[in-house]
Amino acid sequence: MSKRSLSVEQTILALVILAYVSLGVLYAVLTPPWQVPDEPAHYNYVRYLVEERRLPVLRIGDYDQAYLDEIRDHKFDPAYSIAPIRYEFHQPPLYYLLLAPVYALGAGALLPLRLFSVLLGAGVLVVAYRVIKDGFPSGPGWLALGTVSFMALIPQHIAMTSAVQNDVLAELVLGVVLLGLVRWLRSDGSTSFGRMAVLGLVLGLGLWTKVSVYIAIPLAAIAVWLRFRSKAPSGERRLDLRGASVALAALLLPALLVGLPWFARNAVVYGDMDITGLGRHDQVVVGQPRTSEWIRENGWANVVGHFARTTFHSFWAQFGWMAVPIDGRIYTALGLLSGVALLGFVFGLLDAWEDQRAFSTVSVLLACSGLLTLASYLWYNLSFYQAQGRYLFTALIPLGLAWTLGLKEVLWLRNARLVVVALGLAAIIGGVRLVTRTCSDKWRVLIDGLGVAFLCLRCLFPKRFDGWFLAAPYLLLGLLCVVSPFRFIVPYLAP
């Protein structure tokens, strides 16, 4: 890459991060207090640390569903105290320890704590950029920029990372672990066990951050398998068991040693070898919706449909405590955009299959990272019904990469023509159904038509304009991010 191209790429990256920080500050200022899921409980954790100078213990009574419903119904009126909302007291303490000085210096004010989370969110973007650049060093600049832009311009992601909650630190720590594993897979020469040990210490900090980071443990095992399997002679399917065992030990032993005090403390406090506190959490959250109850009341088909729809909506934007969805027409447009990106990604996979191109170890690692996050989300929902797309944010790096690759693939002339035909047929069928009054969703027909028009324009312009067409979806996402606080958050959530 030329110095000029690198300078342009770095300038765009700086603008993307600046846009995210600006939007994060906007959301932090305009979102009414406590109108982000679980924020009061996370705030009370920080307050407890500062005022009591010791770690909190989750107890029966720290979750009161009736009181939580009442205080939310009254939009967190100051007449209602948030002090009884303490159900996050089982969480690992690292995020809250970092916020404790901010709480003390700001005399407990909410805004400084929110702004600290925004700062961590900016760190997530920087780490994501390095993951893609280091993982695909010969890849084009738009690959990393598109991934970071996707992460920076999801309204729900901004809303969550500009609030008091430990998900943002979980994203950052998991991103750093992923970056370390990517660099290790890409490194030449002998294995650096010292580097693995340092990475293990970072993973250990993840054990003090949030349970969602624990997927880094199987992810590390996968990285070790990829590294030592790739060293086998061509055509043989053997694994260097000795090297893999030593590397895995160099990574996991420091992590487990760092995490051991936290696990031991929980085992003593909660008993029954409840080393994560999740057993106590399940006992405390009486009244939280259970998946088995939803299925019993609504049936499998309805629950699966509701789960998929709500996950999609809340991944993009569903503000407050899931109480404020955005305009349905926007969800339709986001659905079309996501479908087109998915179709483009499938096109890319089929091209790779036809050309018999082997996937790089970094590609496999990123795919496994996304799949592990999805698996943990589905696993949690087997017990508690929590159809909230924000739980997928720890997979934003592989999701952003897939989204960017998919959109770019659709812009290839051959693929663009295929998608034009598909969307054109959908628009025609929708138009016929409107005329025959078997369908009343005129906006879906219009949005399909706009998609056809956009790709037809792409077919008319030379290839050198692809960058502008690729940028268009991100610019629209940015516009949605700007509009959302004024159109959805403040009007519906302010007291």
Protein backbone atom coordinates (compact mmCIF):
# COMPACT_ATOMS: atom_id res chain seq x y z
CA MET A 1 0.00 0.00 0.00
CA SER A 2 1.35 3.43 -0.96
CA LYS A 3 1.97 6.10 1.67
CA ARG A 4 -0.80 8.21 0.15
CA SER A 5 -3.34 5.36 0.31
CA LEU A 6 -2.31 4.60 3.89
CA SER A 7 -2.71 8.25 4.83
CA VAL A 8 -6.18 8.38 3.30
CA GLU A 9 -7.15 5.16 5.13
CA GLN A 10 -5.91 6.48 8.45
CA THR A 11 -7.77 9.75 7.91
CA ILE A 12 -11.02 7.88 7.23
CA LEU A 13 -10.42 5.72 10.32
CA ALA A 14 -9.92 8.84 12.43
CA LEU A 15 -13.15 10.32 11.06
CA VAL A 16 -15.07 7.11 11.82
CA ILE A 17 -13.80 7.02 15.40
CA LEU A 18 -14.51 10.74 15.81
CA ALA A 19 -18.05 10.15 14.52
CA TYR A 20 -18.54 7.32 17.01
CA VAL A 21 -17.23 9.37 19.95
CA SER A 22 -19.42 12.33 18.97
CA LEU A 23 -22.47 10.11 18.70
CA GLY A 24 -21.57 8.37 21.94
CA VAL A 25 -21.40 11.68 23.79
CA LEU A 26 -24.73 12.69 22.20
CA TYR A 27 -26.42 9.49 23.38
CA ALA A 28 -24.82 9.72 26.84
CA VAL A 29 -26.14 13.26 27.29
CA LEU A 30 -29.61 12.84 25.77
CA THR A 31 -30.58 9.37 27.01
CA PRO A 32 -32.58 9.91 30.23
CA PRO A 33 -31.02 8.42 33.39
CA TRP A 34 -31.38 4.66 33.75
CA GLN A 35 -33.12 4.24 30.38
CA VAL A 36 -30.64 1.64 29.20
CA PRO A 37 -31.11 -2.03 30.12
CA ASP A 38 -29.69 -2.90 33.56
CA GLU A 39 -27.95 0.47 33.99
CA PRO A 40 -29.26 1.10 37.54
CA ALA A 41 -27.96 -2.29 38.71
CA HIS A 42 -24.53 -1.67 37.17
CA TYR A 43 -24.42 1.82 38.68
CA ASN A 44 -25.27 0.45 42.13
CA TYR A 45 -22.35 -1.95 41.85
CA VAL A 46 -19.95 0.97 41.36
CA ARG A 47 -21.59 2.91 44.20
CA TYR A 48 -21.27 -0.08 46.52
CA LEU A 49 -17.56 -0.44 45.76
CA VAL A 50 -16.88 3.21 46.51
CA GLU A 51 -19.07 3.55 49.58
CA GLU A 52 -18.55 0.14 51.16
CA ARG A 53 -14.97 -0.44 49.94
CA ARG A 54 -15.58 -4.14 49.35
CA LEU A 55 -17.07 -6.42 46.73
CA PRO A 56 -20.85 -6.82 46.81
CA VAL A 57 -22.66 -10.10 47.28
CA LEU A 58 -25.82 -10.97 45.37
CA ARG A 59 -28.61 -11.87 47.78
CA ILE A 60 -32.21 -12.98 47.63
CA GLY A 61 -34.33 -9.84 47.23
CA ASP A 62 -31.87 -7.95 45.01
CA TYR A 63 -34.22 -8.55 42.07
CA ASP A 64 -37.82 -7.38 42.43
CA GLN A 65 -39.70 -7.79 39.15
CA ALA A 66 -42.80 -5.91 40.38
CA TYR A 67 -40.77 -2.90 41.53
CA LEU A 68 -38.73 -2.95 38.33
CA ASP A 69 -41.91 -2.92 36.23
CA GLU A 70 -43.32 -0.06 38.31
CA ILE A 71 -40.25 2.13 38.13
CA ARG A 72 -39.95 1.56 34.39
CA ASP A 73 -43.62 2.38 33.88
CA HIS A 74 -42.98 5.70 35.65
CA LYS A 75 -39.92 6.35 33.46
CA PHE A 76 -37.58 6.21 36.44
CA ASP A 77 -39.19 9.14 38.16
CA PRO A 78 -36.75 10.45 40.83
CA ALA A 79 -39.46 9.77 43.42
CA TYR A 80 -38.59 6.08 42.94
CA SER A 81 -35.22 5.03 44.33
CA ILE A 82 -32.94 2.86 42.19
CA ALA A 83 -31.18 1.57 45.33
CA PRO A 84 -33.14 -1.74 45.47
CA ILE A 85 -32.02 -2.66 41.92
CA ARG A 86 -28.93 -4.75 42.69
CA TYR A 87 -29.24 -7.89 40.58
CA GLU A 88 -25.86 -7.37 38.85
CA PHE A 89 -23.93 -7.83 42.11
CA HIS A 90 -22.72 -11.26 40.96
CA GLN A 91 -20.75 -9.79 38.06
CA PRO A 92 -16.94 -9.92 37.95
CA PRO A 93 -15.61 -6.61 39.26
CA LEU A 94 -13.02 -5.31 36.77
CA TYR A 95 -15.29 -2.84 34.93
CA TYR A 96 -16.66 -1.45 38.17
CA LEU A 97 -13.19 -1.10 39.70
CA LEU A 98 -12.16 0.98 36.69
CA LEU A 99 -15.22 3.19 37.14
CA ALA A 100 -14.79 3.62 40.89
CA PRO A 101 -12.31 6.57 40.64
CA VAL A 102 -14.57 8.25 38.06
CA TYR A 103 -17.52 7.83 40.43
CA ALA A 104 -15.55 9.29 43.34
CA LEU A 105 -14.19 12.26 41.36
CA GLY A 106 -17.60 12.99 39.84
CA ALA A 107 -19.44 12.69 43.17
CA GLY A 108 -21.53 9.85 41.77
CA ALA A 109 -22.76 11.75 38.70
CA LEU A 110 -24.03 9.46 35.96
CA LEU A 111 -22.68 11.33 32.91
CA PRO A 112 -18.93 10.94 33.65
CA LEU A 113 -19.46 7.19 34.05
CA ARG A 114 -21.25 7.04 30.72
CA LEU A 115 -18.48 9.02 29.02
CA PHE A 116 -15.88 6.60 30.38
CA SER A 117 -17.79 3.81 28.63
CA VAL A 118 -17.70 5.81 25.40
CA LEU A 119 -13.92 5.99 25.73
CA LEU A 120 -13.76 2.20 26.12
CA GLY A 121 -15.98 1.89 23.05
CA ALA A 122 -13.49 3.93 21.01
CA GLY A 123 -10.82 1.48 22.15
CA VAL A 124 -12.96 -1.37 20.82
CA LEU A 125 -12.92 0.23 17.36
CA VAL A 126 -9.14 0.69 17.37
CA VAL A 127 -8.63 -2.95 18.36
CA ALA A 128 -11.09 -4.13 15.69
CA TYR A 129 -9.19 -2.19 13.04
CA ARG A 130 -5.91 -3.84 14.08
CA VAL A 131 -7.52 -7.31 14.09
CA ILE A 132 -8.50 -6.96 10.43
CA LYS A 133 -5.29 -5.20 9.34
CA ASP A 134 -3.03 -7.70 11.07
CA GLY A 135 -5.18 -10.67 10.13
CA PHE A 136 -5.32 -9.75 6.44
CA PRO A 137 -2.19 -7.63 5.83
CA SER A 138 -2.48 -7.79 2.06
CA GLY A 139 -6.21 -7.04 2.09
CA PRO A 140 -7.61 -3.78 0.72
CA GLY A 141 -8.11 -0.80 3.02
CA TRP A 142 -11.90 -0.91 2.73
CA LEU A 143 -11.93 -4.28 4.50
CA ALA A 144 -10.85 -2.91 7.89
CA LEU A 145 -12.59 0.45 7.42
CA GLY A 146 -15.89 -1.22 6.54
CA THR A 147 -15.68 -3.51 9.57
CA VAL A 148 -14.99 -0.62 11.94
CA SER A 149 -17.66 1.58 10.35
CA PHE A 150 -20.24 -1.17 10.78
CA MET A 151 -19.39 -1.44 14.48
CA ALA A 152 -19.36 2.32 14.98
CA LEU A 153 -22.69 3.06 13.30
CA ILE A 154 -25.15 0.60 14.84
CA PRO A 155 -27.52 2.79 16.90
CA GLN A 156 -28.09 0.11 19.56
CA HIS A 157 -24.36 -0.43 19.93
CA ILE A 158 -23.84 3.28 20.50
CA ALA A 159 -26.70 3.32 23.00
CA MET A 160 -25.17 0.43 24.97
CA THR A 161 -21.57 1.64 24.89
CA SER A 162 -22.60 5.11 26.07
CA ALA A 163 -24.22 3.69 29.21
CA VAL A 164 -22.99 2.23 32.49
CA GLN A 165 -22.71 -1.49 31.74
CA ASN A 166 -19.84 -3.94 31.53
CA ASP A 167 -20.52 -5.21 28.00
CA VAL A 168 -18.23 -2.58 26.51
CA LEU A 169 -15.22 -3.74 28.55
CA ALA A 170 -16.08 -7.34 27.64
CA GLU A 171 -15.93 -6.35 23.96
CA LEU A 172 -12.60 -4.62 24.48
CA VAL A 173 -10.94 -7.47 26.38
CA LEU A 174 -12.25 -10.10 23.97
CA GLY A 175 -11.04 -7.96 21.07
CA VAL A 176 -7.56 -7.72 22.56
CA VAL A 177 -7.46 -11.50 23.05
CA LEU A 178 -8.62 -12.00 19.46
CA LEU A 179 -5.94 -9.58 18.24
CA GLY A 180 -3.26 -11.48 20.16
CA LEU A 181 -4.42 -14.80 18.73
CA VAL A 182 -4.52 -13.38 15.21
CA ARG A 183 -0.99 -12.02 15.49
CA TRP A 184 0.21 -15.32 16.90
CA LEU A 185 -1.35 -17.26 14.01
CA ARG A 186 0.21 -14.87 11.51
CA SER A 187 3.67 -14.90 13.08
CA ASP A 188 6.52 -16.77 11.42
CA GLY A 189 9.23 -18.86 13.00
CA SER A 190 9.15 -20.66 16.30
CA THR A 191 6.25 -20.34 18.69
CA SER A 192 6.69 -17.57 21.26
CA PHE A 193 5.41 -19.08 24.48
CA GLY A 194 6.25 -15.85 26.28
CA ARG A 195 3.79 -14.03 24.03
CA MET A 196 1.19 -16.67 24.77
CA ALA A 197 1.72 -16.24 28.50
CA VAL A 198 1.19 -12.47 28.23
CA LEU A 199 -1.95 -13.12 26.22
CA GLY A 200 -3.02 -15.53 28.95
CA LEU A 201 -2.77 -12.71 31.48
CA VAL A 202 -5.11 -10.63 29.30
CA LEU A 203 -7.49 -13.56 29.13
CA GLY A 204 -7.28 -13.75 32.92
CA LEU A 205 -8.44 -10.15 33.10
CA GLY A 206 -11.36 -11.24 30.93
CA LEU A 207 -12.34 -13.72 33.64
CA TRP A 208 -12.65 -10.70 35.95
CA THR A 209 -14.78 -8.83 33.38
CA LYS A 210 -17.84 -10.81 32.29
CA VAL A 211 -18.89 -14.38 31.61
CA SER A 212 -19.39 -13.54 27.92
CA VAL A 213 -15.59 -13.21 27.63
CA TYR A 214 -15.19 -16.85 28.67
CA ILE A 215 -15.67 -17.93 25.06
CA ALA A 216 -12.04 -16.83 24.66
CA ILE A 217 -10.99 -20.09 26.34
CA PRO A 218 -12.34 -22.42 23.62
CA LEU A 219 -11.29 -19.79 21.06
CA ALA A 220 -7.71 -20.05 22.30
CA ALA A 221 -7.90 -23.83 22.01
CA ILE A 222 -9.09 -23.47 18.42
CA ALA A 223 -6.20 -21.09 17.66
CA VAL A 224 -3.70 -23.59 19.06
CA TRP A 225 -5.27 -26.37 16.97
CA LEU A 226 -5.09 -24.20 13.84
CA ARG A 227 -1.47 -23.25 14.46
CA PHE A 228 -0.11 -26.71 15.10
CA ARG A 229 -2.31 -28.48 12.58
CA SER A 230 -1.08 -26.13 9.85
CA LYS A 231 2.49 -27.23 10.59
CA ALA A 232 1.74 -30.84 9.64
CA PRO A 233 3.21 -32.05 6.33
CA SER A 234 1.05 -31.42 3.30
CA GLY A 235 -1.62 -34.04 2.83
CA GLU A 236 -1.33 -35.43 6.33
CA ARG A 237 -3.95 -34.75 8.99
CA ARG A 238 -1.77 -34.83 12.07
CA LEU A 239 -1.47 -32.53 15.02
CA ASP A 240 1.70 -31.74 16.92
CA LEU A 241 0.25 -32.78 20.27
CA ARG A 242 3.32 -31.88 22.29
CA GLY A 243 3.64 -28.39 20.83
CA ALA A 244 -0.08 -27.78 21.06
CA SER A 245 -0.21 -28.90 24.69
CA VAL A 246 2.69 -26.67 25.70
CA ALA A 247 1.21 -23.66 23.86
CA LEU A 248 -2.22 -24.20 25.38
CA ALA A 249 -0.71 -24.52 28.84
CA ALA A 250 1.32 -21.33 28.30
CA LEU A 251 -1.91 -19.53 27.48
CA LEU A 252 -4.41 -21.01 29.89
CA LEU A 253 -2.35 -21.46 33.06
CA PRO A 254 -1.70 -17.70 33.54
CA ALA A 255 -5.36 -17.00 32.73
CA LEU A 256 -6.62 -19.52 35.28
CA LEU A 257 -4.15 -18.30 37.91
CA VAL A 258 -5.39 -14.74 37.44
CA GLY A 259 -9.02 -15.86 37.57
CA LEU A 260 -8.55 -18.26 40.49
CA PRO A 261 -8.98 -15.69 43.32
CA TRP A 262 -12.31 -14.58 41.84
CA PHE A 263 -13.54 -18.15 41.42
CA ALA A 264 -12.41 -19.11 44.93
CA ARG A 265 -14.13 -16.09 46.43
CA ASN A 266 -17.40 -16.99 44.71
CA ALA A 267 -17.17 -20.62 45.79
CA VAL A 268 -16.80 -19.49 49.40
CA VAL A 269 -19.49 -16.77 49.27
CA TYR A 270 -22.15 -18.63 47.30
CA GLY A 271 -21.29 -22.24 48.13
CA ASP A 272 -21.93 -25.36 46.02
CA MET A 273 -18.86 -24.56 43.86
CA ASP A 274 -20.77 -21.68 42.28
CA ILE A 275 -17.53 -20.15 40.97
CA THR A 276 -19.22 -17.65 38.63
CA GLY A 277 -22.16 -16.61 40.82
CA LEU A 278 -24.58 -17.61 38.07
CA GLY A 279 -26.18 -20.24 40.30
CA ARG A 280 -27.06 -17.56 42.84
CA HIS A 281 -28.24 -15.30 40.01
CA ASP A 282 -30.70 -17.96 38.83
CA GLN A 283 -32.07 -18.23 42.37
CA VAL A 284 -32.45 -14.45 42.73
CA VAL A 285 -34.11 -13.42 39.45
CA VAL A 286 -37.54 -14.78 40.30
CA GLY A 287 -40.06 -13.35 37.83
CA GLN A 288 -37.66 -13.03 34.91
CA PRO A 289 -39.30 -14.60 31.85
CA ARG A 290 -38.38 -18.24 31.29
CA THR A 291 -38.20 -19.74 27.83
CA SER A 292 -40.14 -22.84 28.90
CA GLU A 293 -43.03 -20.62 30.04
CA TRP A 294 -43.05 -18.74 26.73
CA ILE A 295 -43.17 -21.98 24.79
CA ARG A 296 -45.93 -23.38 26.99
CA GLU A 297 -48.04 -20.23 26.54
CA ASN A 298 -47.31 -19.43 22.88
CA GLY A 299 -46.04 -22.58 21.19
CA TRP A 300 -42.70 -23.32 19.54
CA ALA A 301 -43.43 -21.69 16.18
CA ASN A 302 -44.56 -18.37 17.66
CA VAL A 303 -41.64 -18.24 20.11
CA VAL A 304 -39.05 -18.96 17.40
CA GLY A 305 -40.55 -16.31 15.12
CA HIS A 306 -40.75 -13.74 17.91
CA PHE A 307 -37.21 -14.58 19.04
CA ALA A 308 -35.71 -14.08 15.56
CA ARG A 309 -37.66 -10.89 14.88
CA THR A 310 -36.94 -9.30 18.26
CA THR A 311 -33.26 -10.26 18.12
CA PHE A 312 -32.95 -8.59 14.73
CA HIS A 313 -34.80 -5.43 15.81
CA SER A 314 -32.91 -5.06 19.08
CA PHE A 315 -29.57 -5.69 17.39
CA TRP A 316 -30.05 -2.55 15.32
CA ALA A 317 -32.18 -0.30 17.49
CA GLN A 318 -34.73 -0.94 20.21
CA PHE A 319 -34.19 1.62 22.91
CA GLY A 320 -34.93 1.88 26.59
CA TRP A 321 -35.58 -1.44 28.24
CA MET A 322 -36.69 -2.90 24.88
CA ALA A 323 -39.73 -0.61 25.06
CA VAL A 324 -39.01 1.71 22.13
CA PRO A 325 -38.63 0.09 18.70
CA ILE A 326 -37.92 2.36 15.77
CA ASP A 327 -40.13 2.89 12.73
CA GLY A 328 -41.14 -0.39 11.09
CA ARG A 329 -40.17 0.95 7.66
CA ILE A 330 -36.59 1.35 8.87
CA TYR A 331 -36.54 -2.26 10.05
CA THR A 332 -37.75 -3.26 6.58
CA ALA A 333 -34.90 -1.33 4.97
CA LEU A 334 -32.38 -2.82 7.40
CA GLY A 335 -33.78 -6.27 6.64
CA LEU A 336 -33.28 -5.72 2.92
CA LEU A 337 -29.77 -4.39 3.44
CA SER A 338 -28.86 -7.29 5.70
CA GLY A 339 -30.35 -9.79 3.26
CA VAL A 340 -28.36 -8.31 0.37
CA ALA A 341 -25.15 -8.38 2.44
CA LEU A 342 -25.82 -12.01 3.40
CA LEU A 343 -26.47 -12.90 -0.23
CA GLY A 344 -23.22 -11.24 -1.26
CA PHE A 345 -21.34 -13.13 1.44
CA VAL A 346 -22.78 -16.39 0.13
CA PHE A 347 -21.67 -15.39 -3.39
CA GLY A 348 -18.14 -14.94 -2.03
CA LEU A 349 -18.18 -18.34 -0.31
CA LEU A 350 -19.38 -20.02 -3.51
CA ASP A 351 -16.62 -18.32 -5.53
CA ALA A 352 -14.04 -19.53 -3.01
CA TRP A 353 -15.49 -23.05 -3.22
CA GLU A 354 -15.37 -23.07 -7.03
CA ASP A 355 -11.79 -21.76 -7.08
CA GLN A 356 -10.83 -24.29 -4.38
CA ARG A 357 -9.34 -21.51 -2.26
CA ALA A 358 -8.41 -22.57 1.25
CA PHE A 359 -9.64 -20.36 4.07
CA SER A 360 -6.89 -18.79 6.13
CA THR A 361 -6.47 -19.71 9.79
CA VAL A 362 -7.46 -16.14 10.70
CA SER A 363 -10.71 -16.47 8.75
CA VAL A 364 -11.52 -19.72 10.55
CA LEU A 365 -10.69 -18.16 13.93
CA LEU A 366 -12.95 -15.15 13.29
CA ALA A 367 -15.77 -17.42 12.13
CA CYS A 368 -15.42 -19.51 15.29
CA SER A 369 -15.49 -16.35 17.39
CA GLY A 370 -18.85 -15.38 15.90
CA LEU A 371 -20.25 -18.89 16.21
CA LEU A 372 -19.21 -19.18 19.86
CA THR A 373 -20.98 -15.91 20.66
CA LEU A 374 -24.10 -17.11 18.86
CA ALA A 375 -23.96 -20.46 20.66
CA SER A 376 -23.67 -18.78 24.07
CA TYR A 377 -26.60 -16.49 23.22
CA LEU A 378 -28.80 -19.42 22.23
CA TRP A 379 -27.67 -21.44 25.24
CA TYR A 380 -28.64 -18.66 27.65
CA ASN A 381 -32.04 -18.39 26.00
CA LEU A 382 -32.72 -22.05 26.64
CA SER A 383 -33.32 -21.02 30.26
CA PHE A 384 -34.21 -17.31 30.29
CA TYR A 385 -36.07 -15.67 27.42
CA GLN A 386 -33.78 -12.73 26.58
CA ALA A 387 -34.23 -11.99 22.88
CA GLN A 388 -31.88 -9.02 22.90
CA GLY A 389 -29.53 -8.55 19.98
CA ARG A 390 -27.04 -6.64 22.13
CA TYR A 391 -25.80 -9.98 23.44
CA LEU A 392 -24.31 -10.55 19.98
CA PHE A 393 -22.11 -7.46 20.15
CA THR A 394 -19.08 -9.49 21.25
CA ALA A 395 -19.21 -10.91 17.69
CA LEU A 396 -19.22 -7.53 15.95
CA ILE A 397 -15.73 -7.95 14.47
CA PRO A 398 -16.57 -11.09 12.45
CA LEU A 399 -20.08 -9.75 11.75
CA GLY A 400 -18.70 -6.44 10.50
CA LEU A 401 -16.17 -8.24 8.32
CA ALA A 402 -18.85 -10.50 6.82
CA TRP A 403 -21.18 -7.53 6.26
CA THR A 404 -18.46 -5.56 4.46
CA LEU A 405 -17.39 -8.50 2.31
CA GLY A 406 -21.01 -9.22 1.43
CA LEU A 407 -21.79 -5.65 0.35
CA LYS A 408 -18.60 -5.46 -1.69
CA GLU A 409 -19.36 -8.79 -3.37
CA VAL A 410 -22.83 -7.57 -4.39
CA LEU A 411 -21.27 -4.58 -6.13
CA TRP A 412 -19.45 -6.81 -8.62
CA LEU A 413 -21.27 -6.29 -11.91
CA ARG A 414 -22.31 -9.93 -12.35
CA ASN A 415 -23.66 -10.21 -8.81
CA ALA A 416 -25.34 -6.79 -8.96
CA ARG A 417 -27.33 -7.89 -12.01
CA LEU A 418 -28.45 -11.09 -10.27
CA VAL A 419 -29.60 -9.17 -7.21
CA VAL A 420 -31.39 -6.62 -9.42
CA VAL A 421 -33.36 -9.46 -11.00
CA ALA A 422 -34.20 -10.97 -7.60
CA LEU A 423 -35.28 -7.66 -6.06
CA GLY A 424 -37.13 -6.69 -9.23
CA LEU A 425 -39.17 -9.89 -9.10
CA ALA A 426 -39.89 -9.31 -5.41
CA ALA A 427 -41.05 -5.76 -6.16
CA ILE A 428 -43.26 -6.91 -9.04
CA ILE A 429 -44.84 -9.68 -6.96
CA GLY A 430 -45.38 -7.22 -4.12
CA GLY A 431 -46.95 -4.72 -6.52
CA VAL A 432 -49.33 -7.34 -7.89
CA ARG A 433 -50.31 -8.32 -4.34
CA LEU A 434 -50.97 -4.68 -3.54
CA VAL A 435 -53.23 -4.30 -6.57
CA THR A 436 -55.09 -7.50 -5.73
CA ARG A 437 -55.22 -6.42 -2.06
CA THR A 438 -53.62 -9.63 -0.80
CA CYS A 439 -50.86 -7.53 0.75
CA SER A 440 -50.92 -4.05 2.26
CA ASP A 441 -47.20 -3.49 2.86
CA LYS A 442 -46.58 -0.82 0.23
CA TRP A 443 -43.38 0.26 1.95
CA ARG A 444 -41.74 -3.12 1.40
CA VAL A 445 -42.50 -2.84 -2.31
CA LEU A 446 -41.10 0.71 -2.39
CA ILE A 447 -37.94 -0.30 -0.51
CA ASP A 448 -37.38 -3.25 -2.86
CA GLY A 449 -37.76 -0.83 -5.74
CA LEU A 450 -35.21 1.55 -4.24
CA GLY A 451 -32.80 -1.38 -3.90
CA VAL A 452 -33.28 -2.16 -7.59
CA ALA A 453 -32.66 1.48 -8.51
CA PHE A 454 -29.50 1.64 -6.40
CA LEU A 455 -27.99 -1.46 -7.98
CA CYS A 456 -29.05 -0.36 -11.46
CA LEU A 457 -27.07 2.82 -10.90
CA ARG A 458 -24.11 0.70 -9.88
CA CYS A 459 -24.38 -1.21 -13.16
CA LEU A 460 -24.32 2.06 -15.11
CA PHE A 461 -21.23 3.50 -13.39
CA PRO A 462 -17.61 2.40 -13.96
CA LYS A 463 -15.91 0.19 -11.37
CA ARG A 464 -13.89 3.11 -9.96
CA PHE A 465 -17.09 4.39 -8.32
CA ASP A 466 -17.53 1.20 -6.25
CA GLY A 467 -16.10 2.91 -3.18
CA TRP A 468 -18.89 5.47 -3.17
CA PHE A 469 -21.57 2.82 -3.59
CA LEU A 470 -20.00 0.77 -0.78
CA ALA A 471 -19.98 3.84 1.47
CA ALA A 472 -23.68 4.61 0.90
CA PRO A 473 -25.11 2.02 3.38
CA TYR A 474 -22.73 3.21 6.10
CA LEU A 475 -23.73 6.82 5.52
CA LEU A 476 -27.40 5.82 5.87
CA LEU A 477 -26.59 4.02 9.13
CA GLY A 478 -24.83 7.15 10.32
CA LEU A 479 -27.92 9.20 9.53
CA LEU A 480 -30.06 6.76 11.53
CA CYS A 481 -27.65 7.12 14.46
CA VAL A 482 -28.00 10.91 14.38
CA VAL A 483 -31.79 10.87 14.10
CA SER A 484 -32.53 8.19 16.71
CA PRO A 485 -31.97 10.21 19.92
CA PHE A 486 -34.26 13.00 18.73
CA ARG A 487 -36.88 10.84 17.03
CA PHE A 488 -37.10 7.84 19.36
CA ILE A 489 -35.10 8.09 22.60
CA VAL A 490 -35.96 11.51 24.03
CA PRO A 491 -39.64 11.69 22.94
CA TYR A 492 -40.52 8.25 24.36
CA LEU A 493 -38.17 7.89 27.33
CA ALA A 494 -37.88 11.35 28.87
CA PRO A 495 -40.02 11.77 32.00
